[in-house]
Protein backbone atom coordinates (compact mmCIF):
# COMPACT_ATOMS: atom_id res chain seq x y z
CA MET A 1 0.19 0.09 -0.08
CA THR A 2 1.24 3.28 -0.52
CA VAL A 3 -0.11 6.49 -0.02
CA THR A 4 -1.98 8.97 -2.32
CA GLN A 5 -1.26 12.42 -3.32
CA SER A 6 -4.87 13.08 -1.82
CA GLU A 7 -3.61 11.28 1.18
CA CYS A 8 -0.95 13.14 1.41
CA ALA A 9 -2.82 16.99 0.77
CA HIS A 10 -5.44 15.68 3.49
CA ARG A 11 -2.73 15.55 5.60
CA GLU A 12 -1.35 18.73 5.06
CA ALA A 13 -4.78 20.38 5.69
CA SER A 14 -5.47 17.78 9.17
CA ASP A 15 -2.46 19.18 11.39
CA ALA A 16 -2.62 23.02 10.51
CA GLU A 17 -6.96 22.23 11.90
CA LEU A 18 -7.46 24.08 14.84
CA ILE A 19 -7.98 22.55 18.06
CA ALA A 20 -9.48 22.54 21.56
CA TRP A 21 -6.14 23.03 23.14
CA VAL A 22 -7.17 21.85 27.18
CA ASP A 23 -5.37 20.80 30.88
CA GLU A 24 -4.54 17.67 32.06
CA ALA A 25 -8.80 18.90 34.02
CA ASP A 26 -10.15 19.37 30.41
CA GLN A 27 -10.39 22.99 31.12
CA LEU A 28 -10.35 24.68 27.76
CA LEU A 29 -6.70 27.22 27.24
CA GLY A 30 -7.34 28.05 23.64
CA SER A 31 -6.46 26.31 20.45
CA LEU A 32 -3.28 25.18 18.97
CA PRO A 33 -3.40 23.93 14.84
CA ARG A 34 -2.93 19.73 14.99
CA ALA A 35 0.54 18.90 14.04
CA GLU A 36 1.27 21.95 17.05
CA LEU A 37 -0.39 19.78 20.26
CA ARG A 38 1.13 17.10 18.99
CA ARG A 39 4.52 18.08 18.74
CA ARG A 40 5.04 20.11 22.24
CA GLY A 41 3.27 17.01 23.69
CA LEU A 42 -0.03 18.93 24.40
CA ILE A 43 -3.54 17.86 24.99
CA GLY A 44 -6.54 18.21 22.56
CA ARG A 45 -9.56 16.37 22.50
CA GLY A 46 -11.06 13.91 20.52
CA SER A 47 -14.31 12.25 20.21
CA PHE A 48 -15.15 8.73 19.80
CA VAL A 49 -17.99 6.91 18.26
CA LEU A 50 -19.14 3.15 18.16
CA LEU A 51 -21.51 2.83 15.64
CA PHE A 52 -23.15 -0.69 15.40
CA ASN A 53 -26.04 -1.61 12.89
CA SER A 54 -29.35 -3.10 14.23
CA ALA A 55 -27.74 -6.84 15.11
CA GLY A 56 -25.39 -5.35 17.33
CA GLU A 57 -22.28 -5.82 15.61
CA LEU A 58 -19.28 -2.96 16.05
CA CYS A 59 -18.11 -1.30 12.67
CA VAL A 60 -14.21 -1.77 12.48
CA HIS A 61 -11.66 0.27 10.68
CA GLN A 62 -8.26 0.83 9.05
CA ARG A 63 -7.02 3.91 8.24
CA THR A 64 -4.83 5.31 6.63
CA LEU A 65 -0.93 4.76 5.94
CA SER A 66 -0.80 9.08 5.43
CA LYS A 67 -2.41 9.53 9.39
CA ALA A 68 -0.27 10.49 11.24
CA VAL A 69 -1.45 8.55 14.63
CA TYR A 70 -1.86 5.18 14.31
CA PRO A 71 -0.96 5.07 10.23
CA GLY A 72 -2.19 1.56 8.68
CA TYR A 73 -3.92 0.57 12.12
CA TRP A 74 -7.60 -0.65 12.80
CA ASP A 75 -9.85 1.42 15.26
CA VAL A 76 -12.56 0.41 16.61
CA ALA A 77 -14.63 4.46 16.65
CA ALA A 78 -14.78 7.10 14.36
CA GLY A 79 -13.37 10.09 15.36
CA GLY A 80 -11.00 12.58 15.53
CA MET A 81 -9.65 15.67 17.14
CA VAL A 82 -12.49 18.63 18.70
CA GLN A 83 -12.16 21.57 16.72
CA ALA A 84 -12.04 25.54 18.46
CA ASP A 85 -15.52 26.01 17.56
CA GLU A 86 -17.35 22.25 18.39
CA SER A 87 -18.69 20.03 21.78
CA TYR A 88 -17.40 16.95 21.95
CA ALA A 89 -20.37 15.33 20.47
CA GLU A 90 -20.51 18.27 17.58
CA SER A 91 -17.31 16.48 16.97
CA ALA A 92 -18.26 13.26 16.79
CA GLN A 93 -21.50 14.10 15.00
CA ARG A 94 -18.70 15.42 12.23
CA GLU A 95 -16.65 13.01 12.31
CA LEU A 96 -19.06 9.81 11.38
CA GLN A 97 -20.56 11.90 8.80
CA GLU A 98 -16.72 12.33 7.32
CA GLU A 99 -15.56 9.43 8.30
CA LEU A 100 -18.06 6.87 7.80
CA GLY A 101 -20.87 8.66 5.76
CA ILE A 102 -23.34 8.59 8.14
CA ALA A 103 -25.43 11.30 9.37
CA GLY A 104 -28.75 11.54 11.04
CA VAL A 105 -27.93 9.73 13.62
CA ALA A 106 -28.57 9.70 17.43
CA LEU A 107 -25.79 9.94 19.42
CA GLN A 108 -25.58 8.61 23.37
CA ALA A 109 -22.61 9.61 25.21
CA HIS A 110 -21.27 7.57 27.43
CA GLY A 111 -18.33 10.20 29.26
CA SER A 112 -15.31 10.59 28.71
CA PHE A 113 -11.86 9.55 29.75
CA PHE A 114 -7.78 11.05 29.50
CA PHE A 115 -5.54 9.32 27.47
CA ASP A 116 -1.65 10.18 28.08
CA GLN A 117 0.65 8.13 25.26
CA PRO A 118 4.17 10.15 23.73
CA ASP A 119 2.55 11.91 21.06
CA ASN A 120 -0.66 11.23 21.88
CA ARG A 121 -2.39 12.87 24.86
CA LEU A 122 -5.70 13.59 24.39
CA TRP A 123 -9.77 14.28 26.48
CA CYS A 124 -11.52 11.08 25.17
CA GLY A 125 -15.44 11.85 24.70
CA VAL A 126 -17.60 8.74 24.06
CA PHE A 127 -20.52 7.98 21.86
CA SER A 128 -22.11 5.46 20.57
CA ALA A 129 -24.46 5.65 17.28
CA ILE A 130 -26.93 2.80 15.77
CA SER A 131 -26.42 2.63 11.76
CA ASP A 132 -27.93 0.05 8.76
CA ALA A 133 -27.37 2.76 6.48
CA PRO A 134 -24.93 1.68 3.86
CA LEU A 135 -20.97 3.26 4.73
CA GLN A 136 -19.22 5.75 2.85
CA LEU A 137 -16.04 5.36 3.17
CA GLN A 138 -13.69 8.29 3.38
CA PRO A 139 -10.48 7.90 0.81
CA GLU A 140 -8.03 10.20 2.65
CA GLU A 141 -8.72 8.79 5.72
CA VAL A 142 -10.47 4.86 6.05
CA LEU A 143 -9.09 2.24 4.07
CA GLN A 144 -11.69 -0.09 4.60
CA ALA A 145 -14.89 -1.31 6.83
CA ARG A 146 -16.47 -3.96 8.27
CA PHE A 147 -18.70 -5.11 11.23
CA ILE A 148 -17.94 -7.12 13.67
CA SER A 149 -18.78 -8.55 17.01
CA ILE A 150 -17.77 -6.55 20.20
CA ASP A 151 -15.84 -10.01 20.96
CA GLN A 152 -14.70 -10.53 17.86
CA ALA A 153 -13.19 -7.30 17.57
CA LEU A 154 -11.58 -7.01 20.71
CA ALA A 155 -9.75 -10.85 19.98
CA ASP A 156 -8.41 -9.19 16.78
CA SER A 157 -6.83 -6.88 18.48
CA LEU A 158 -4.60 -9.64 20.36
CA VAL A 159 -3.42 -10.04 17.07
CA ARG A 160 -3.63 -7.06 14.55
CA PRO A 161 -2.51 -3.17 15.63
CA TYR A 162 -5.85 -1.35 17.10
CA CYS A 163 -5.47 2.56 17.87
CA ALA A 164 -5.22 2.49 21.63
CA ASP A 165 -7.04 5.61 22.26
CA SER A 166 -9.93 3.91 20.43
CA LEU A 167 -9.61 0.31 22.03
CA ARG A 168 -10.31 1.98 25.76
CA ALA A 169 -13.59 4.05 24.46
CA LEU A 170 -14.71 0.68 23.75
CA ARG A 171 -13.80 -0.27 27.21
CA ARG A 172 -15.89 3.08 28.12
CA TYR A 173 -18.47 1.85 26.12
CA LEU A 174 -18.34 -1.95 27.96
CA ALA A 175 -18.29 -0.56 31.41
CA GLY A 176 -21.23 1.15 30.81
């Protein structure tokens, strides 16, 4: 697999987006470009949407190789960084539509948590949604997607690279 010119342009635009910059208590400090937050090890906000079909299967997708964090990894949630002028829920709705083409669905909130790893420091808002609409994958961010059981996703995460932050979001969801 190779990185396309479209993916490179998308990555450049993404790195320049103004992201909500917060402290360790999730208090808003301002906004900074996404790439600067990463480079300086600062904390941003992220949204995660666990998308289920009516059979209770979870949508998992593989990220493109151009992603700055977890390139080529499998992901159990649609989502991304919360922009400077968005709430967690607004970000979740936007990301679900951008990445998987799912719009107009009700989101259920499942709280938030702090995720702290080098190059990926986030306050994370967790949501779930149910939809049987056909997926429309964003080619700059998503290589492929499928619906599988939660147990299968957790087992798969032991043998394939999965995004650690979205796995934590799934565990938050499962903890109720």
